[in-house]
Amino acid sequence: FEDKYEERDYQKGRLALAFRIFAKFGFDEGVAGHITLRDPV
């Protein structure tokens, strides 16, 4: 991406998918666990 705000929107979508993938694989345990994304902006 050339636009950092556009990159942010895209990467946030990928992060949301990451959590759903973790849930599908059974990696969630109550409220424990976290995945973080460095903000492009």
Full PDB file with SEQRES, HELIX, SHEET, SSBOND, CRYST1, ORIGX, SCALE, CONECT and MASTER records, all heavy atoms in Angstrom:
SEQRES   1 A   41  PHE GLU ASP LYS TYR GLU GLU ARG ASP TYR GLN LYS GLY          
SEQRES   2 A   41  ARG LEU ALA LEU ALA PHE ARG ILE PHE ALA LYS PHE GLY          
SEQRES   3 A   41  PHE ASP GLU GLY VAL ALA GLY HIS ILE THR LEU ARG ASP          
SEQRES   4 A   41  PRO VAL                                                      
HELIX    1 AA1 LYS A    4  LYS A   24  1                                  21    
CRYST1    1.000    1.000    1.000  90.00  90.00  90.00 P 1           1          
ORIGX1      1.000000  0.000000  0.000000        0.00000                         
ORIGX2      0.000000  1.000000  0.000000        0.00000                         
ORIGX3      0.000000  0.000000  1.000000        0.00000                         
SCALE1      1.000000  0.000000  0.000000        0.00000                         
SCALE2      0.000000  1.000000  0.000000        0.00000                         
SCALE3      0.000000  0.000000  1.000000        0.00000                         
ATOM      1  N   PHE A   1       0.834  -1.201   0.000  1.00  0.00           N  
ATOM      2  CA  PHE A   1       0.000   0.000   0.000  1.00  0.00           C  
ATOM      3  C   PHE A   1       0.870   1.253   0.000  1.00  0.00           C  
ATOM      4  O   PHE A   1       1.937   1.277   0.605  1.00  0.00           O  
ATOM      5  CB  PHE A   1      -0.894   0.032   1.241  1.00  0.00           C  
ATOM      6  CG  PHE A   1      -1.867  -1.101   1.338  1.00  0.00           C  
ATOM      7  CD1 PHE A   1      -1.490  -2.304   1.920  1.00  0.00           C  
ATOM      8  CD2 PHE A   1      -3.156  -0.971   0.837  1.00  0.00           C  
ATOM      9  CE1 PHE A   1      -2.381  -3.361   2.011  1.00  0.00           C  
ATOM     10  CE2 PHE A   1      -4.057  -2.019   0.926  1.00  0.00           C  
ATOM     11  CZ  PHE A   1      -3.665  -3.218   1.511  1.00  0.00           C  
ATOM     12  N   GLU A   2       0.394   2.278  -0.690  1.00  0.00           N  
ATOM     13  CA  GLU A   2       1.023   3.597  -0.600  1.00  0.00           C  
ATOM     14  C   GLU A   2       0.321   4.442   0.449  1.00  0.00           C  
ATOM     15  O   GLU A   2       0.942   5.289   1.090  1.00  0.00           O  
ATOM     16  CB  GLU A   2       0.981   4.295  -1.963  1.00  0.00           C  
ATOM     17  CG  GLU A   2       1.837   3.614  -3.037  1.00  0.00           C  
ATOM     18  CD  GLU A   2       1.832   4.387  -4.338  1.00  0.00           C  
ATOM     19  OE1 GLU A   2       1.238   5.493  -4.376  1.00  0.00           O  
ATOM     20  OE2 GLU A   2       2.435   3.893  -5.321  1.00  0.00           O  
ATOM     21  N   ASP A   3      -0.967   4.208   0.630  1.00  0.00           N  
ATOM     22  CA  ASP A   3      -1.770   4.944   1.606  1.00  0.00           C  
ATOM     23  C   ASP A   3      -1.814   4.164   2.917  1.00  0.00           C  
ATOM     24  O   ASP A   3      -2.326   3.047   2.965  1.00  0.00           O  
ATOM     25  CB  ASP A   3      -3.181   5.137   1.058  1.00  0.00           C  
ATOM     26  CG  ASP A   3      -4.052   6.025   1.935  1.00  0.00           C  
ATOM     27  OD1 ASP A   3      -3.952   5.928   3.170  1.00  0.00           O  
ATOM     28  OD2 ASP A   3      -4.853   6.807   1.384  1.00  0.00           O  
ATOM     29  N   LYS A   4      -1.262   4.730   3.984  1.00  0.00           N  
ATOM     30  CA  LYS A   4      -1.203   4.052   5.277  1.00  0.00           C  
ATOM     31  C   LYS A   4      -2.582   3.829   5.882  1.00  0.00           C  
ATOM     32  O   LYS A   4      -2.800   2.852   6.608  1.00  0.00           O  
ATOM     33  CB  LYS A   4      -0.316   4.836   6.244  1.00  0.00           C  
ATOM     34  CG  LYS A   4       1.152   4.847   5.875  1.00  0.00           C  
ATOM     35  CD  LYS A   4       1.725   3.430   5.886  1.00  0.00           C  
ATOM     36  CE  LYS A   4       3.215   3.421   5.543  1.00  0.00           C  
ATOM     37  NZ  LYS A   4       3.751   2.030   5.522  1.00  0.00           N  
ATOM     38  N   TYR A   5      -3.520   4.704   5.614  1.00  0.00           N  
ATOM     39  CA  TYR A   5      -4.875   4.522   6.146  1.00  0.00           C  
ATOM     40  C   TYR A   5      -5.592   3.377   5.425  1.00  0.00           C  
ATOM     41  O   TYR A   5      -6.355   2.628   6.040  1.00  0.00           O  
ATOM     42  CB  TYR A   5      -5.665   5.824   6.031  1.00  0.00           C  
ATOM     43  CG  TYR A   5      -5.221   6.868   7.025  1.00  0.00           C  
ATOM     44  CD1 TYR A   5      -4.259   7.814   6.677  1.00  0.00           C  
ATOM     45  CD2 TYR A   5      -5.735   6.896   8.322  1.00  0.00           C  
ATOM     46  CE1 TYR A   5      -3.821   8.761   7.586  1.00  0.00           C  
ATOM     47  CE2 TYR A   5      -5.322   7.836   9.242  1.00  0.00           C  
ATOM     48  CZ  TYR A   5      -4.362   8.766   8.878  1.00  0.00           C  
ATOM     49  OH  TYR A   5      -3.924   9.707   9.802  1.00  0.00           O  
ATOM     50  N   GLU A   6      -5.324   3.255   4.151  1.00  0.00           N  
ATOM     51  CA  GLU A   6      -5.884   2.130   3.391  1.00  0.00           C  
ATOM     52  C   GLU A   6      -5.268   0.823   3.890  1.00  0.00           C  
ATOM     53  O   GLU A   6      -5.963  -0.193   4.037  1.00  0.00           O  
ATOM     54  CB  GLU A   6      -5.600   2.312   1.900  1.00  0.00           C  
ATOM     55  CG  GLU A   6      -6.205   1.222   1.019  1.00  0.00           C  
ATOM     56  CD  GLU A   6      -5.880   1.415  -0.450  1.00  0.00           C  
ATOM     57  OE1 GLU A   6      -5.366   2.496  -0.815  1.00  0.00           O  
ATOM     58  OE2 GLU A   6      -6.138   0.477  -1.236  1.00  0.00           O  
ATOM     59  N   GLU A   7      -3.974   0.863   4.172  1.00  0.00           N  
ATOM     60  CA  GLU A   7      -3.293  -0.317   4.711  1.00  0.00           C  
ATOM     61  C   GLU A   7      -3.872  -0.692   6.075  1.00  0.00           C  
ATOM     62  O   GLU A   7      -4.094  -1.866   6.369  1.00  0.00           O  
ATOM     63  CB  GLU A   7      -1.795  -0.059   4.833  1.00  0.00           C  
ATOM     64  CG  GLU A   7      -1.016  -1.246   5.376  1.00  0.00           C  
ATOM     65  CD  GLU A   7       0.473  -0.978   5.496  1.00  0.00           C  
ATOM     66  OE1 GLU A   7       0.916   0.130   5.121  1.00  0.00           O  
ATOM     67  OE2 GLU A   7       1.185  -1.879   5.966  1.00  0.00           O  
ATOM     68  N   ARG A   8      -4.136   0.298   6.898  1.00  0.00           N  
ATOM     69  CA  ARG A   8      -4.711   0.048   8.219  1.00  0.00           C  
ATOM     70  C   ARG A   8      -6.042  -0.681   8.098  1.00  0.00           C  
ATOM     71  O   ARG A   8      -6.276  -1.679   8.796  1.00  0.00           O  
ATOM     72  CB  ARG A   8      -4.898   1.360   8.991  1.00  0.00           C  
ATOM     73  CG  ARG A   8      -5.677   1.187  10.284  1.00  0.00           C  
ATOM     74  CD  ARG A   8      -6.161   2.515  10.823  1.00  0.00           C  
ATOM     75  NE  ARG A   8      -5.134   3.167  11.638  1.00  0.00           N  
ATOM     76  CZ  ARG A   8      -5.294   4.368  12.198  1.00  0.00           C  
ATOM     77  NH1 ARG A   8      -6.429   5.049  11.999  1.00  0.00           N  
ATOM     78  NH2 ARG A   8      -4.342   4.906  12.933  1.00  0.00           N  
ATOM     79  N   ASP A   9      -6.906  -0.207   7.220  1.00  0.00           N  
ATOM     80  CA  ASP A   9      -8.228  -0.831   7.052  1.00  0.00           C  
ATOM     81  C   ASP A   9      -8.085  -2.286   6.601  1.00  0.00           C  
ATOM     82  O   ASP A   9      -8.791  -3.170   7.100  1.00  0.00           O  
ATOM     83  CB  ASP A   9      -9.061  -0.050   6.037  1.00  0.00           C  
ATOM     84  CG  ASP A   9      -9.527   1.296   6.575  1.00  0.00           C  
ATOM     85  OD1 ASP A   9      -9.513   1.477   7.814  1.00  0.00           O  
ATOM     86  OD2 ASP A   9      -9.901   2.168   5.761  1.00  0.00           O  
ATOM     87  N   TYR A  10      -7.190  -2.511   5.656  1.00  0.00           N  
ATOM     88  CA  TYR A  10      -6.987  -3.878   5.154  1.00  0.00           C  
ATOM     89  C   TYR A  10      -6.445  -4.790   6.247  1.00  0.00           C  
ATOM     90  O   TYR A  10      -6.941  -5.909   6.454  1.00  0.00           O  
ATOM     91  CB  TYR A  10      -6.029  -3.849   3.962  1.00  0.00           C  
ATOM     92  CG  TYR A  10      -5.646  -5.227   3.465  1.00  0.00           C  
ATOM     93  CD1 TYR A  10      -6.515  -5.951   2.641  1.00  0.00           C  
ATOM     94  CD2 TYR A  10      -4.423  -5.792   3.819  1.00  0.00           C  
ATOM     95  CE1 TYR A  10      -6.166  -7.225   2.185  1.00  0.00           C  
ATOM     96  CE2 TYR A  10      -4.075  -7.061   3.373  1.00  0.00           C  
ATOM     97  CZ  TYR A  10      -4.943  -7.769   2.563  1.00  0.00           C  
ATOM     98  OH  TYR A  10      -4.597  -9.032   2.118  1.00  0.00           O  
ATOM     99  N   GLN A  11      -5.419  -4.321   6.966  1.00  0.00           N  
ATOM    100  CA  GLN A  11      -4.788  -5.147   7.987  1.00  0.00           C  
ATOM    101  C   GLN A  11      -5.728  -5.430   9.159  1.00  0.00           C  
ATOM    102  O   GLN A  11      -5.685  -6.513   9.751  1.00  0.00           O  
ATOM    103  CB  GLN A  11      -3.499  -4.482   8.484  1.00  0.00           C  
ATOM    104  CG  GLN A  11      -2.409  -4.336   7.445  1.00  0.00           C  
ATOM    105  CD  GLN A  11      -1.849  -5.671   6.959  1.00  0.00           C  
ATOM    106  OE1 GLN A  11      -2.235  -6.744   7.405  1.00  0.00           O  
ATOM    107  NE2 GLN A  11      -0.916  -5.607   6.014  1.00  0.00           N  
ATOM    108  N   LYS A  12      -6.594  -4.486   9.482  1.00  0.00           N  
ATOM    109  CA  LYS A  12      -7.576  -4.742  10.537  1.00  0.00           C  
ATOM    110  C   LYS A  12      -8.519  -5.866  10.121  1.00  0.00           C  
ATOM    111  O   LYS A  12      -8.926  -6.700  10.954  1.00  0.00           O  
ATOM    112  CB  LYS A  12      -8.357  -3.468  10.853  1.00  0.00           C  
ATOM    113  CG  LYS A  12      -7.578  -2.426  11.642  1.00  0.00           C  
ATOM    114  CD  LYS A  12      -8.384  -1.146  11.824  1.00  0.00           C  
ATOM    115  CE  LYS A  12      -9.635  -1.350  12.655  1.00  0.00           C  
ATOM    116  NZ  LYS A  12     -10.414  -0.105  12.805  1.00  0.00           N  
ATOM    117  N   GLY A  13      -8.867  -5.916   8.853  1.00  0.00           N  
ATOM    118  CA  GLY A  13      -9.683  -7.008   8.352  1.00  0.00           C  
ATOM    119  C   GLY A  13      -8.959  -8.338   8.468  1.00  0.00           C  
ATOM    120  O   GLY A  13      -9.552  -9.360   8.852  1.00  0.00           O  
ATOM    121  N   ARG A  14      -7.667  -8.336   8.168  1.00  0.00           N  
ATOM    122  CA  ARG A  14      -6.880  -9.566   8.281  1.00  0.00           C  
ATOM    123  C   ARG A  14      -6.776 -10.004   9.742  1.00  0.00           C  
ATOM    124  O   ARG A  14      -6.809 -11.198  10.052  1.00  0.00           O  
ATOM    125  CB  ARG A  14      -5.483  -9.359   7.697  1.00  0.00           C  
ATOM    126  CG  ARG A  14      -5.436  -8.914   6.256  1.00  0.00           C  
ATOM    127  CD  ARG A  14      -6.127  -9.878   5.320  1.00  0.00           C  
ATOM    128  NE  ARG A  14      -5.285 -11.004   4.954  1.00  0.00           N  
ATOM    129  CZ  ARG A  14      -5.684 -11.996   4.153  1.00  0.00           C  
ATOM    130  NH1 ARG A  14      -6.911 -11.983   3.650  1.00  0.00           N  
ATOM    131  NH2 ARG A  14      -4.872 -12.993   3.845  1.00  0.00           N  
ATOM    132  N   LEU A  15      -6.663  -9.036  10.643  1.00  0.00           N  
ATOM    133  CA  LEU A  15      -6.580  -9.365  12.067  1.00  0.00           C  
ATOM    134  C   LEU A  15      -7.892  -9.972  12.558  1.00  0.00           C  
ATOM    135  O   LEU A  15      -7.893 -10.924  13.346  1.00  0.00           O  
ATOM    136  CB  LEU A  15      -6.224  -8.117  12.879  1.00  0.00           C  
ATOM    137  CG  LEU A  15      -5.970  -8.328  14.375  1.00  0.00           C  
ATOM    138  CD1 LEU A  15      -4.861  -9.347  14.615  1.00  0.00           C  
ATOM    139  CD2 LEU A  15      -5.607  -6.992  15.044  1.00  0.00           C  
ATOM    140  N   ALA A  16      -9.012  -9.427  12.096  1.00  0.00           N  
ATOM    141  CA  ALA A  16     -10.308 -10.004  12.460  1.00  0.00           C  
ATOM    142  C   ALA A  16     -10.405 -11.451  11.967  1.00  0.00           C  
ATOM    143  O   ALA A  16     -10.895 -12.337  12.686  1.00  0.00           O  
ATOM    144  CB  ALA A  16     -11.439  -9.165  11.870  1.00  0.00           C  
ATOM    145  N   LEU A  17      -9.924 -11.713  10.748  1.00  0.00           N  
ATOM    146  CA  LEU A  17      -9.902 -13.079  10.230  1.00  0.00           C  
ATOM    147  C   LEU A  17      -9.009 -13.970  11.078  1.00  0.00           C  
ATOM    148  O   LEU A  17      -9.321 -15.147  11.308  1.00  0.00           O  
ATOM    149  CB  LEU A  17      -9.418 -13.093   8.781  1.00  0.00           C  
ATOM    150  CG  LEU A  17     -10.352 -12.512   7.721  1.00  0.00           C  
ATOM    151  CD1 LEU A  17      -9.664 -12.498   6.362  1.00  0.00           C  
ATOM    152  CD2 LEU A  17     -11.651 -13.306   7.647  1.00  0.00           C  
ATOM    153  N   ALA A  18      -7.887 -13.419  11.547  1.00  0.00           N  
ATOM    154  CA  ALA A  18      -6.966 -14.195  12.373  1.00  0.00           C  
ATOM    155  C   ALA A  18      -7.650 -14.701  13.644  1.00  0.00           C  
ATOM    156  O   ALA A  18      -7.472 -15.861  14.041  1.00  0.00           O  
ATOM    157  CB  ALA A  18      -5.742 -13.352  12.729  1.00  0.00           C  
ATOM    158  N   PHE A  19      -8.439 -13.845  14.282  1.00  0.00           N  
ATOM    159  CA  PHE A  19      -9.145 -14.271  15.493  1.00  0.00           C  
ATOM    160  C   PHE A  19     -10.176 -15.347  15.183  1.00  0.00           C  
ATOM    161  O   PHE A  19     -10.353 -16.297  15.960  1.00  0.00           O  
ATOM    162  CB  PHE A  19      -9.809 -13.065  16.165  1.00  0.00           C  
ATOM    163  CG  PHE A  19      -8.858 -12.230  16.957  1.00  0.00           C  
ATOM    164  CD1 PHE A  19      -8.460 -10.986  16.500  1.00  0.00           C  
ATOM    165  CD2 PHE A  19      -8.339 -12.694  18.153  1.00  0.00           C  
ATOM    166  CE1 PHE A  19      -7.562 -10.212  17.226  1.00  0.00           C  
ATOM    167  CE2 PHE A  19      -7.436 -11.930  18.885  1.00  0.00           C  
ATOM    168  CZ  PHE A  19      -7.050 -10.685  18.425  1.00  0.00           C  
ATOM    169  N   ARG A  20     -10.832 -15.228  14.062  1.00  0.00           N  
ATOM    170  CA  ARG A  20     -11.823 -16.240  13.690  1.00  0.00           C  
ATOM    171  C   ARG A  20     -11.142 -17.568  13.367  1.00  0.00           C  
ATOM    172  O   ARG A  20     -11.676 -18.643  13.656  1.00  0.00           O  
ATOM    173  CB  ARG A  20     -12.663 -15.740  12.516  1.00  0.00           C  
ATOM    174  CG  ARG A  20     -13.522 -14.530  12.881  1.00  0.00           C  
ATOM    175  CD  ARG A  20     -14.473 -14.140  11.766  1.00  0.00           C  
ATOM    176  NE  ARG A  20     -15.285 -12.980  12.144  1.00  0.00           N  
ATOM    177  CZ  ARG A  20     -16.518 -12.758  11.695  1.00  0.00           C  
ATOM    178  NH1 ARG A  20     -17.081 -13.618  10.855  1.00  0.00           N  
ATOM    179  NH2 ARG A  20     -17.192 -11.683  12.066  1.00  0.00           N  
ATOM    180  N   ILE A  21      -9.953 -17.493  12.778  1.00  0.00           N  
ATOM    181  CA  ILE A  21      -9.167 -18.705  12.521  1.00  0.00           C  
ATOM    182  C   ILE A  21      -8.766 -19.358  13.840  1.00  0.00           C  
ATOM    183  O   ILE A  21      -8.899 -20.575  14.023  1.00  0.00           O  
ATOM    184  CB  ILE A  21      -7.921 -18.373  11.677  1.00  0.00           C  
ATOM    185  CG1 ILE A  21      -8.332 -18.021  10.239  1.00  0.00           C  
ATOM    186  CG2 ILE A  21      -6.937 -19.542  11.672  1.00  0.00           C  
ATOM    187  CD1 ILE A  21      -7.221 -17.402   9.409  1.00  0.00           C  
ATOM    188  N   PHE A  22      -8.279 -18.564  14.785  1.00  0.00           N  
ATOM    189  CA  PHE A  22      -7.898 -19.093  16.096  1.00  0.00           C  
ATOM    190  C   PHE A  22      -9.096 -19.767  16.764  1.00  0.00           C  
ATOM    191  O   PHE A  22      -8.968 -20.827  17.371  1.00  0.00           O  
ATOM    192  CB  PHE A  22      -7.343 -17.979  16.978  1.00  0.00           C  
ATOM    193  CG  PHE A  22      -5.837 -17.848  16.927  1.00  0.00           C  
ATOM    194  CD1 PHE A  22      -5.156 -18.013  15.736  1.00  0.00           C  
ATOM    195  CD2 PHE A  22      -5.106 -17.544  18.063  1.00  0.00           C  
ATOM    196  CE1 PHE A  22      -3.772 -17.899  15.681  1.00  0.00           C  
ATOM    197  CE2 PHE A  22      -3.730 -17.437  18.026  1.00  0.00           C  
ATOM    198  CZ  PHE A  22      -3.048 -17.616  16.832  1.00  0.00           C  
ATOM    199  N   ALA A  23     -10.264 -19.139  16.669  1.00  0.00           N  
ATOM    200  CA  ALA A  23     -11.458 -19.714  17.274  1.00  0.00           C  
ATOM    201  C   ALA A  23     -11.813 -21.038  16.605  1.00  0.00           C  
ATOM    202  O   ALA A  23     -12.170 -22.018  17.276  1.00  0.00           O  
ATOM    203  CB  ALA A  23     -12.620 -18.735  17.170  1.00  0.00           C  
ATOM    204  N   LYS A  24     -11.709 -21.089  15.282  1.00  0.00           N  
ATOM    205  CA  LYS A  24     -12.043 -22.302  14.541  1.00  0.00           C  
ATOM    206  C   LYS A  24     -11.136 -23.455  14.937  1.00  0.00           C  
ATOM    207  O   LYS A  24     -11.571 -24.616  14.989  1.00  0.00           O  
ATOM    208  CB  LYS A  24     -11.947 -22.033  13.038  1.00  0.00           C  
ATOM    209  CG  LYS A  24     -12.375 -23.205  12.170  1.00  0.00           C  
ATOM    210  CD  LYS A  24     -12.363 -22.832  10.707  1.00  0.00           C  
ATOM    211  CE  LYS A  24     -12.820 -24.005   9.832  1.00  0.00           C  
ATOM    212  NZ  LYS A  24     -12.846 -23.639   8.390  1.00  0.00           N  
ATOM    213  N   PHE A  25      -9.874 -23.154  15.226  1.00  0.00           N  
ATOM    214  CA  PHE A  25      -8.920 -24.189  15.617  1.00  0.00           C  
ATOM    215  C   PHE A  25      -8.964 -24.495  17.118  1.00  0.00           C  
ATOM    216  O   PHE A  25      -8.196 -25.312  17.601  1.00  0.00           O  
ATOM    217  CB  PHE A  25      -7.500 -23.784  15.204  1.00  0.00           C  
ATOM    218  CG  PHE A  25      -7.193 -24.045  13.751  1.00  0.00           C  
ATOM    219  CD1 PHE A  25      -7.542 -23.122  12.780  1.00  0.00           C  
ATOM    220  CD2 PHE A  25      -6.573 -25.218  13.346  1.00  0.00           C  
ATOM    221  CE1 PHE A  25      -7.266 -23.360  11.437  1.00  0.00           C  
ATOM    222  CE2 PHE A  25      -6.297 -25.468  12.012  1.00  0.00           C  
ATOM    223  CZ  PHE A  25      -6.649 -24.532  11.052  1.00  0.00           C  
ATOM    224  N   GLY A  26      -9.845 -23.811  17.832  1.00  0.00           N  
ATOM    225  CA  GLY A  26      -9.987 -24.079  19.255  1.00  0.00           C  
ATOM    226  C   GLY A  26      -8.908 -23.470  20.124  1.00  0.00           C  
ATOM    227  O   GLY A  26      -8.633 -23.958  21.226  1.00  0.00           O  
ATOM    228  N   PHE A  27      -8.296 -22.388  19.664  1.00  0.00           N  
ATOM    229  CA  PHE A  27      -7.233 -21.748  20.426  1.00  0.00           C  
ATOM    230  C   PHE A  27      -7.765 -20.770  21.471  1.00  0.00           C  
ATOM    231  O   PHE A  27      -6.992 -20.229  22.269  1.00  0.00           O  
ATOM    232  CB  PHE A  27      -6.267 -21.005  19.501  1.00  0.00           C  
ATOM    233  CG  PHE A  27      -5.542 -21.891  18.514  1.00  0.00           C  
ATOM    234  CD1 PHE A  27      -4.992 -21.351  17.358  1.00  0.00           C  
ATOM    235  CD2 PHE A  27      -5.406 -23.246  18.744  1.00  0.00           C  
ATOM    236  CE1 PHE A  27      -4.311 -22.152  16.448  1.00  0.00           C  
ATOM    237  CE2 PHE A  27      -4.733 -24.063  17.844  1.00  0.00           C  
ATOM    238  CZ  PHE A  27      -4.183 -23.516  16.685  1.00  0.00           C  
ATOM    239  N   ASP A  28      -9.082 -20.510  21.448  1.00  0.00           N  
ATOM    240  CA  ASP A  28      -9.648 -19.602  22.446  1.00  0.00           C  
ATOM    241  C   ASP A  28      -9.904 -20.368  23.749  1.00  0.00           C  
ATOM    242  O   ASP A  28     -10.210 -21.559  23.735  1.00  0.00           O  
ATOM    243  CB  ASP A  28     -10.944 -18.959  21.937  1.00  0.00           C  
ATOM    244  CG  ASP A  28     -11.916 -19.976  21.353  1.00  0.00           C  
ATOM    245  OD1 ASP A  28     -11.506 -21.115  21.062  1.00  0.00           O  
ATOM    246  OD2 ASP A  28     -13.101 -19.628  21.187  1.00  0.00           O  
ATOM    247  N   GLU A  29      -9.757 -19.691  24.845  1.00  0.00           N  
ATOM    248  CA  GLU A  29      -9.970 -20.265  26.176  1.00  0.00           C  
ATOM    249  C   GLU A  29     -10.595 -19.185  27.043  1.00  0.00           C  
ATOM    250  O   GLU A  29      -9.890 -18.365  27.652  1.00  0.00           O  
ATOM    251  CB  GLU A  29      -8.647 -20.744  26.779  1.00  0.00           C  
ATOM    252  CG  GLU A  29      -8.730 -21.308  28.186  1.00  0.00           C  
ATOM    253  CD  GLU A  29      -9.317 -22.729  28.228  1.00  0.00           C  
ATOM    254  OE1 GLU A  29      -9.460 -23.332  27.152  1.00  0.00           O  
ATOM    255  OE2 GLU A  29      -9.609 -23.218  29.325  1.00  0.00           O  
ATOM    256  N   GLY A  30     -11.918 -19.124  27.057  1.00  0.00           N  
ATOM    257  CA  GLY A  30     -12.578 -18.052  27.791  1.00  0.00           C  
ATOM    258  C   GLY A  30     -12.227 -16.702  27.198  1.00  0.00           C  
ATOM    259  O   GLY A  30     -12.417 -16.462  26.010  1.00  0.00           O  
ATOM    260  N   VAL A  31     -11.665 -15.827  28.023  1.00  0.00           N  
ATOM    261  CA  VAL A  31     -11.265 -14.496  27.551  1.00  0.00           C  
ATOM    262  C   VAL A  31      -9.752 -14.388  27.378  1.00  0.00           C  
ATOM    263  O   VAL A  31      -9.226 -13.308  27.124  1.00  0.00           O  
ATOM    264  CB  VAL A  31     -11.759 -13.396  28.517  1.00  0.00           C  
ATOM    265  CG1 VAL A  31     -13.270 -13.373  28.583  1.00  0.00           C  
ATOM    266  CG2 VAL A  31     -11.165 -13.591  29.923  1.00  0.00           C  
ATOM    267  N   ALA A  32      -9.033 -15.509  27.524  1.00  0.00           N  
ATOM    268  CA  ALA A  32      -7.567 -15.488  27.430  1.00  0.00           C  
ATOM    269  C   ALA A  32      -7.119 -15.473  25.977  1.00  0.00           C  
ATOM    270  O   ALA A  32      -7.802 -15.993  25.090  1.00  0.00           O  
ATOM    271  CB  ALA A  32      -6.978 -16.693  28.149  1.00  0.00           C  
ATOM    272  N   GLY A  33      -5.965 -14.880  25.729  1.00  0.00           N  
ATOM    273  CA  GLY A  33      -5.359 -14.875  24.413  1.00  0.00           C  
ATOM    274  C   GLY A  33      -5.516 -13.549  23.690  1.00  0.00           C  
ATOM    275  O   GLY A  33      -6.502 -12.833  23.894  1.00  0.00           O  
ATOM    276  N   HIS A  34      -4.539 -13.264  22.846  1.00  0.00           N  
ATOM    277  CA  HIS A  34      -4.547 -11.986  22.127  1.00  0.00           C  
ATOM    278  C   HIS A  34      -3.618 -12.034  20.917  1.00  0.00           C  
ATOM    279  O   HIS A  34      -2.602 -12.723  20.922  1.00  0.00           O  
ATOM    280  CB  HIS A  34      -4.122 -10.826  23.044  1.00  0.00           C  
ATOM    281  CG  HIS A  34      -3.536 -11.272  24.352  1.00  0.00           C  
ATOM    282  ND1 HIS A  34      -2.214 -11.601  24.515  1.00  0.00           N  
ATOM    283  CD2 HIS A  34      -4.128 -11.462  25.556  1.00  0.00           C  
ATOM    284  CE1 HIS A  34      -1.981 -11.967  25.770  1.00  0.00           C  
ATOM    285  NE2 HIS A  34      -3.123 -11.910  26.425  1.00  0.00           N  
ATOM    286  N   ILE A  35      -4.000 -11.318  19.886  1.00  0.00           N  
ATOM    287  CA  ILE A  35      -3.160 -11.118  18.704  1.00  0.00           C  
ATOM    288  C   ILE A  35      -3.108  -9.613  18.464  1.00  0.00           C  
ATOM    289  O   ILE A  35      -4.151  -8.949  18.492  1.00  0.00           O  
ATOM    290  CB  ILE A  35      -3.735 -11.809  17.453  1.00  0.00           C  
ATOM    291  CG1 ILE A  35      -4.125 -13.251  17.748  1.00  0.00           C  
ATOM    292  CG2 ILE A  35      -2.724 -11.767  16.305  1.00  0.00           C  
ATOM    293  CD1 ILE A  35      -4.861 -13.933  16.585  1.00  0.00           C  
ATOM    294  N   THR A  36      -1.919  -9.091  18.249  1.00  0.00           N  
ATOM    295  CA  THR A  36      -1.786  -7.651  18.058  1.00  0.00           C  
ATOM    296  C   THR A  36      -1.191  -7.320  16.694  1.00  0.00           C  
ATOM    297  O   THR A  36      -0.389  -8.076  16.145  1.00  0.00           O  
ATOM    298  CB  THR A  36      -0.892  -7.012  19.149  1.00  0.00           C  
ATOM    299  OG1 THR A  36       0.349  -7.732  19.228  1.00  0.00           O  
ATOM    300  CG2 THR A  36      -1.596  -7.045  20.493  1.00  0.00           C  
ATOM    301  N   LEU A  37      -1.593  -6.176  16.184  1.00  0.00           N  
ATOM    302  CA  LEU A  37      -1.114  -5.652  14.901  1.00  0.00           C  
ATOM    303  C   LEU A  37      -0.525  -4.267  15.115  1.00  0.00           C  
ATOM    304  O   LEU A  37      -1.189  -3.379  15.640  1.00  0.00           O  
ATOM    305  CB  LEU A  37      -2.273  -5.564  13.911  1.00  0.00           C  
ATOM    306  CG  LEU A  37      -2.059  -4.689  12.670  1.00  0.00           C  
ATOM    307  CD1 LEU A  37      -1.051  -5.342  11.727  1.00  0.00           C  
ATOM    308  CD2 LEU A  37      -3.376  -4.424  11.948  1.00  0.00           C  
ATOM    309  N   ARG A  38       0.723  -4.087  14.705  1.00  0.00           N  
ATOM    310  CA  ARG A  38       1.327  -2.759  14.754  1.00  0.00           C  
ATOM    311  C   ARG A  38       0.560  -1.840  13.801  1.00  0.00           C  
ATOM    312  O   ARG A  38       0.335  -2.189  12.639  1.00  0.00           O  
ATOM    313  CB  ARG A  38       2.803  -2.820  14.353  1.00  0.00           C  
ATOM    314  CG  ARG A  38       3.549  -1.493  14.553  1.00  0.00           C  
ATOM    315  CD  ARG A  38       4.954  -1.567  14.005  1.00  0.00           C  
ATOM    316  NE  ARG A  38       5.777  -2.566  14.676  1.00  0.00           N  
ATOM    317  CZ  ARG A  38       6.422  -2.364  15.814  1.00  0.00           C  
ATOM    318  NH1 ARG A  38       6.328  -1.193  16.425  1.00  0.00           N  
ATOM    319  NH2 ARG A  38       7.152  -3.330  16.352  1.00  0.00           N  
ATOM    320  N   ASP A  39       0.161  -0.671  14.286  1.00  0.00           N  
ATOM    321  CA  ASP A  39      -0.629   0.245  13.469  1.00  0.00           C  
ATOM    322  C   ASP A  39       0.238   0.851  12.368  1.00  0.00           C  
ATOM    323  O   ASP A  39       1.294   1.428  12.653  1.00  0.00           O  
ATOM    324  CB  ASP A  39      -1.220   1.352  14.339  1.00  0.00           C  
ATOM    325  CG  ASP A  39      -2.097   2.302  13.545  1.00  0.00           C  
ATOM    326  OD1 ASP A  39      -2.920   1.810  12.739  1.00  0.00           O  
ATOM    327  OD2 ASP A  39      -1.958   3.527  13.707  1.00  0.00           O  
ATOM    328  N   PRO A  40      -0.168   0.738  11.098  1.00  0.00           N  
ATOM    329  CA  PRO A  40       0.626   1.321  10.006  1.00  0.00           C  
ATOM    330  C   PRO A  40       0.729   2.842  10.087  1.00  0.00           C  
ATOM    331  O   PRO A  40       1.722   3.422   9.623  1.00  0.00           O  
ATOM    332  CB  PRO A  40      -0.148   0.890   8.750  1.00  0.00           C  
ATOM    333  CG  PRO A  40      -0.934  -0.309   9.170  1.00  0.00           C  
ATOM    334  CD  PRO A  40      -1.316  -0.036  10.594  1.00  0.00           C  
ATOM    335  N   VAL A  41      -0.285   3.494  10.660  1.00  0.00           N  
ATOM    336  CA  VAL A  41      -0.301   4.960  10.731  1.00  0.00           C  
ATOM    337  C   VAL A  41       0.549   5.455  11.899  1.00  0.00           C  
ATOM    338  O   VAL A  41       1.353   6.391  11.749  1.00  0.00           O  
ATOM    339  CB  VAL A  41      -1.753   5.478  10.858  1.00  0.00           C  
ATOM    340  CG1 VAL A  41      -1.767   7.008  10.971  1.00  0.00           C  
ATOM    341  CG2 VAL A  41      -2.588   5.018   9.674  1.00  0.00           C  
TER     342      VAL A  41                                                      
MASTER        0    0    0    1    0    0    0    6  341    1    0    4          
END                                                                             
